[in-house]
Protein backbone atom coordinates (compact mmCIF):
# COMPACT_ATOMS: atom_id res chain seq x y z
CA MET A 1 59.43 -2.25 -39.68
CA HIS A 2 56.51 -4.68 -39.66
CA ARG A 3 57.91 -6.37 -36.57
CA LEU A 4 58.09 -2.99 -34.82
CA LEU A 5 54.47 -2.18 -35.65
CA LEU A 6 53.31 -5.59 -34.48
CA SER A 7 55.25 -5.26 -31.26
CA ARG A 8 53.53 -1.92 -30.60
CA THR A 9 49.97 -2.85 -31.60
CA LEU A 10 49.66 -6.32 -30.01
CA PRO A 11 50.01 -5.11 -26.41
CA ARG A 12 47.43 -2.41 -27.07
CA LEU A 13 44.96 -4.94 -28.50
CA GLY A 14 45.58 -7.21 -25.54
CA ARG A 15 44.79 -4.36 -23.14
CA VAL A 16 41.64 -3.49 -25.11
CA PHE A 17 40.36 -7.09 -25.10
CA ALA A 18 41.19 -7.46 -21.43
CA SER A 19 39.28 -4.31 -20.56
CA SER A 20 36.28 -5.42 -22.67
CA GLU A 21 36.25 -8.85 -20.99
CA ALA A 22 36.45 -7.23 -17.56
CA THR A 23 33.51 -4.97 -18.37
CA THR A 24 31.43 -7.87 -19.68
CA THR A 25 32.21 -10.02 -16.64
CA ALA A 26 31.39 -7.12 -14.33
CA LYS A 27 28.10 -6.56 -16.14
CA SER A 28 27.24 -10.26 -15.94
CA LEU A 29 28.04 -10.32 -12.22
CA THR A 30 25.86 -7.33 -11.54
CA GLU A 31 23.04 -8.81 -13.60
CA THR A 32 23.24 -12.12 -11.74
CA LYS A 33 23.31 -10.30 -8.42
CA LYS A 34 20.24 -8.30 -9.41
CA ALA A 35 18.44 -11.44 -10.55
CA ALA A 36 19.35 -13.26 -7.36
CA SER A 37 18.21 -10.32 -5.26
CA THR A 38 14.91 -10.10 -7.15
CA ASP A 39 14.37 -13.85 -6.81
CA ALA A 40 15.18 -13.73 -3.12
CA GLY A 41 12.94 -10.73 -2.76
CA GLU A 42 10.09 -12.58 -4.42
CA TYR A 43 10.55 -15.50 -2.04
CA LEU A 44 10.80 -13.21 0.97
CA LEU A 45 7.82 -11.03 0.08
CA PRO A 46 4.57 -11.71 2.00
CA GLY A 47 2.91 -12.93 -1.20
CA GLY A 48 5.80 -15.14 -2.33
CA PRO A 49 5.76 -18.92 -2.82
CA LEU A 50 6.73 -19.58 0.81
CA ALA A 51 3.57 -17.82 1.95
CA GLU A 52 1.55 -20.79 0.70
CA PHE A 53 2.86 -22.79 3.66
CA PHE A 54 1.03 -20.43 6.04
CA ASP A 55 -2.57 -19.53 6.58
CA LYS A 56 -4.02 -16.11 5.89
CA GLU A 57 -2.79 -13.37 8.20
CA GLU A 58 -6.32 -12.50 9.21
CA ASN A 59 -6.63 -15.98 10.77
CA PHE A 60 -3.49 -15.71 12.91
CA GLY A 61 -4.08 -15.98 16.65
CA LYS A 62 -7.77 -16.85 16.42
CA ALA A 63 -9.31 -19.75 18.29
CA GLU A 64 -11.90 -20.35 15.56
CA LEU A 65 -12.29 -19.24 11.97
CA ARG A 66 -15.06 -17.01 10.76
CA PRO A 67 -18.22 -18.68 9.43
CA LYS A 68 -17.40 -17.74 5.84
CA GLN A 69 -13.89 -19.22 6.11
CA ARG A 70 -14.79 -22.44 7.88
CA PRO A 71 -14.07 -25.59 5.90
CA GLY A 72 -16.79 -27.71 4.39
CA ARG A 73 -17.10 -31.46 4.30
CA SER A 74 -14.60 -33.84 2.77
CA TRP A 75 -14.80 -35.22 -0.77
CA THR A 76 -16.83 -38.41 -0.93
CA SER A 77 -16.02 -41.44 -3.06
CA GLU A 78 -19.22 -41.01 -5.08
CA GLU A 79 -18.21 -37.50 -6.09
CA LEU A 80 -14.65 -38.49 -6.93
CA ARG A 81 -15.78 -41.37 -9.17
CA LEU A 82 -17.35 -38.80 -11.51
CA LYS A 83 -14.03 -37.01 -12.07
CA SER A 84 -11.35 -37.83 -14.61
CA ASN A 85 -7.86 -38.97 -13.79
CA LEU A 86 -6.47 -35.52 -14.58
CA ASP A 87 -8.92 -33.86 -12.18
CA LEU A 88 -8.04 -36.37 -9.47
CA HIS A 89 -4.35 -35.67 -10.03
CA LYS A 90 -4.89 -31.93 -9.67
CA LEU A 91 -7.13 -32.34 -6.62
CA TRP A 92 -4.54 -34.58 -4.97
CA TYR A 93 -1.88 -31.88 -5.15
CA VAL A 94 -4.33 -29.23 -3.95
CA LEU A 95 -5.09 -31.35 -0.90
CA LEU A 96 -1.40 -32.09 -0.42
CA LYS A 97 -0.58 -28.37 -0.36
CA GLU A 98 -3.45 -27.75 2.03
CA ARG A 99 -2.21 -30.51 4.33
CA ASN A 100 1.31 -29.07 4.37
CA MET A 101 -0.10 -25.65 5.25
CA LEU A 102 -2.23 -27.07 8.05
CA LEU A 103 0.67 -29.07 9.50
CA THR A 104 2.88 -25.97 9.44
CA MET A 105 0.27 -23.88 11.22
CA GLU A 106 -0.44 -26.65 13.72
CA HIS A 107 3.26 -26.79 14.62
CA ALA A 108 3.40 -23.00 14.91
CA TYR A 109 0.43 -22.94 17.29
CA LYS A 110 1.82 -25.86 19.27
CA ILE A 111 5.21 -24.27 19.98
CA ARG A 112 3.39 -21.10 21.10
CA GLN A 113 1.03 -23.15 23.30
CA ARG A 114 -2.11 -21.86 21.64
CA PRO A 115 -5.16 -23.79 20.39
CA PHE A 116 -5.14 -24.56 16.70
CA PRO A 117 -8.30 -23.15 15.05
CA ASN A 118 -10.63 -25.72 13.49
CA PRO A 119 -8.40 -28.81 13.76
CA GLU A 120 -11.05 -30.83 11.92
CA ARG A 121 -9.59 -29.46 8.69
CA LEU A 122 -6.77 -32.00 8.90
CA ASP A 123 -9.26 -34.86 9.30
CA ARG A 124 -11.28 -33.74 6.28
CA VAL A 125 -8.18 -33.39 4.13
CA ARG A 126 -7.03 -36.84 5.22
CA GLU A 127 -10.43 -38.38 4.46
CA SER A 128 -10.47 -36.75 1.02
CA MET A 129 -7.01 -38.08 0.19
CA GLU A 130 -7.98 -41.56 1.35
CA ASN A 131 -11.08 -41.45 -0.86
CA ILE A 132 -8.95 -40.41 -3.84
CA GLU A 133 -6.64 -43.37 -3.23
CA GLU A 134 -9.67 -45.66 -3.04
CA VAL A 135 -11.07 -44.41 -6.36
CA VAL A 136 -7.69 -44.66 -8.10
CA HIS A 137 -7.24 -48.17 -6.73
CA GLU A 138 -10.65 -49.18 -8.07
CA ARG A 139 -9.75 -47.90 -11.53
CA ASN A 140 -6.38 -49.65 -11.48
CA THR A 141 -8.07 -52.90 -10.45
CA ALA A 142 -10.64 -52.62 -13.25
CA PHE A 143 -7.94 -51.92 -15.84
CA LEU A 144 -5.66 -54.75 -14.71
CA GLN A 145 -8.53 -57.24 -14.55
CA LEU A 146 -9.35 -56.44 -18.16
CA GLU A 147 -5.72 -56.63 -19.28
CA THR A 148 -4.18 -59.39 -17.18
CA GLY A 149 -7.00 -60.73 -15.00
CA ASP A 150 -5.17 -59.76 -11.79
CA SER A 151 -6.09 -57.22 -9.14
CA ALA A 152 -4.20 -54.05 -8.31
CA ASP A 153 -3.63 -55.34 -4.79
CA PRO A 154 -0.11 -56.62 -4.18
CA PRO A 155 0.07 -60.42 -3.96
CA MET A 156 -0.08 -62.02 -0.54
CA ARG A 157 1.98 -64.97 0.68
CA THR A 158 1.34 -67.41 3.50
CA VAL A 159 4.26 -67.18 5.91
CA THR A 160 5.10 -69.53 8.79
CA SER A 161 6.87 -68.02 11.77
CA PHE A 162 9.49 -69.70 13.93
CA ALA A 163 6.78 -70.48 16.53
CA GLY A 164 4.64 -72.32 13.97
CA PHE A 165 1.99 -69.63 13.39
CA THR A 166 0.90 -68.99 9.80
CA TYR A 167 -0.23 -65.56 8.62
CA GLN A 168 -0.64 -63.57 5.43
CA LYS A 169 2.15 -61.21 4.41
CA GLN A 170 2.36 -58.79 1.51
CA ALA A 171 4.88 -59.80 -1.13
CA THR A 172 7.87 -57.47 -1.49
CA GLU A 173 10.05 -56.68 -4.48
CA HIS A 174 13.61 -57.98 -4.75
CA LEU A 175 16.50 -56.98 -6.95
CA LEU A 176 17.21 -60.58 -7.98
CA PRO A 177 14.87 -63.61 -8.11
CA ALA A 178 15.13 -66.47 -5.65
CA ASP A 179 16.56 -68.77 -8.36
CA ILE A 180 19.73 -66.65 -8.45
CA THR A 181 20.10 -65.70 -4.80
CA GLY A 182 18.98 -69.05 -3.41
CA GLU A 183 17.02 -67.33 -0.62
CA LYS A 184 13.29 -67.86 -0.34
CA GLU A 185 11.52 -65.44 1.94
CA TYR A 186 8.27 -67.38 2.16
CA GLU A 187 9.51 -70.92 2.62
CA THR A 188 8.45 -72.91 5.70
CA PRO A 189 11.17 -72.64 8.35
CA TYR A 190 12.50 -75.54 10.39
CA LEU A 191 10.36 -75.99 13.50
CA ASP A 192 11.96 -77.50 16.57
CA GLU A 193 10.24 -79.18 19.53
CA SER A 194 9.46 -75.90 21.32
CA ALA A 195 7.38 -74.69 18.35
CA TYR A 196 5.19 -77.81 18.49
CA VAL A 197 4.76 -77.39 22.26
CA THR A 198 3.74 -73.76 21.69
CA GLN A 199 1.18 -74.81 19.10
CA LYS A 200 -0.23 -77.45 21.45
CA LEU A 201 -0.61 -74.97 24.32
CA TRP A 202 -2.12 -72.38 21.99
CA ALA A 203 -4.72 -74.85 20.69
CA GLU A 204 -5.57 -75.83 24.28
CA LYS A 205 -6.02 -72.17 25.20
CA GLN A 206 -8.32 -71.52 22.26
CA HIS A 207 -10.38 -74.62 23.12
CA LEU A 208 -10.80 -73.49 26.74
CA LYS A 209 -11.79 -70.03 25.54
CA LYS A 210 -14.53 -71.49 23.33
CA MET A 211 -15.79 -73.64 26.21
CA HIS A 212 -15.92 -70.61 28.51
CA ASP A 213 -17.86 -68.58 25.92
CA ALA A 214 -20.33 -71.46 25.47
CA ASP A 215 -20.85 -71.73 29.25
CA GLN A 216 -21.50 -68.01 29.51
CA ALA A 217 -24.03 -68.21 26.67
CA ARG A 218 -25.88 -71.09 28.34
CA TYR A 219 -25.86 -69.23 31.67
CA ARG A 220 -27.33 -66.09 30.13
CA GLU A 221 -29.95 -68.08 28.29
CA ARG A 222 -30.93 -69.95 31.48
CA PHE A 223 -31.38 -66.85 33.66
CA SER A 224 -32.95 -64.65 31.00
CA HIS A 225 -36.46 -63.34 31.82
CA ASP A 226 -38.75 -60.48 30.95
CA GLN A 227 -37.60 -58.17 33.76
CA ALA A 228 -33.84 -58.53 33.06
CA SER A 229 -33.73 -55.03 31.56
CA ARG A 230 -34.54 -53.55 34.96
CA TYR A 231 -31.24 -54.76 36.35
CA GLY A 232 -29.02 -53.68 33.51
CA LYS A 233 -26.48 -56.24 32.38
CA GLY A 234 -26.77 -58.40 35.50
CA ASP A 235 -29.20 -61.19 36.17
CA ARG A 236 -31.97 -61.16 38.74
CA ARG A 237 -30.52 -61.09 42.24
CA VAL A 238 -33.70 -61.08 44.39
CA PHE A 239 -36.39 -63.76 44.23
CA ASN A 240 -39.57 -62.94 46.16
CA ALA A 241 -41.49 -66.10 45.31
CA PRO A 242 -40.65 -69.68 44.41
CA GLU A 243 -42.21 -69.14 40.99
CA GLN A 244 -39.50 -66.62 40.20
CA LEU A 245 -36.68 -69.15 40.60
CA PRO A 246 -35.07 -70.30 37.35
CA GLN A 247 -36.17 -73.67 36.19
């Protein structure tokens, strides 16, 4: 008897649970669809987050902004030195968003072959960001000099090229040190005979250049006179009396 009741009730319970799960999954699907549609609607609305990549609609198609909407000057280093690190961090992202907006609008005007209004805005944003980097670099240098005695600038290495020229190069980071890899980036390379010939010819060229500059200086000093400004950059070309000849 108990087996008969169980055999009759279990399938019914299974159908009930299945129907409840189906309803819950359907409700969850509809809720996710509604949430996705609302999110997409927010992004597609004129005032959504993507609208921050574009300028105001009232400025579209204009060759120049109105006087009240024209940009001011860029941030100077003296003004930025008075701000805290948190304010500089916030201002950096404000300028970064403004630069992205200006680049987007510049591209939009360019593909439509129209003049971009007030292009000096990009220059002022760039100058402000460069000044922020300068101030942050100064603070990093001051902190590191107090802590370690080193500057915030990356270390420089003297590198010799295959032609024998030496120049300064910024040190780069490596995954493993040179003791393990056996490769030294800044070691002096082997110079063959052609490198020494190149250095000899280069030194001769620099010497001749210095001699030429010295001859030109002596020539200008010899023919200099009070009325040289009348003839521009050239020397006096007409001599009307023997007294006017250079000594």
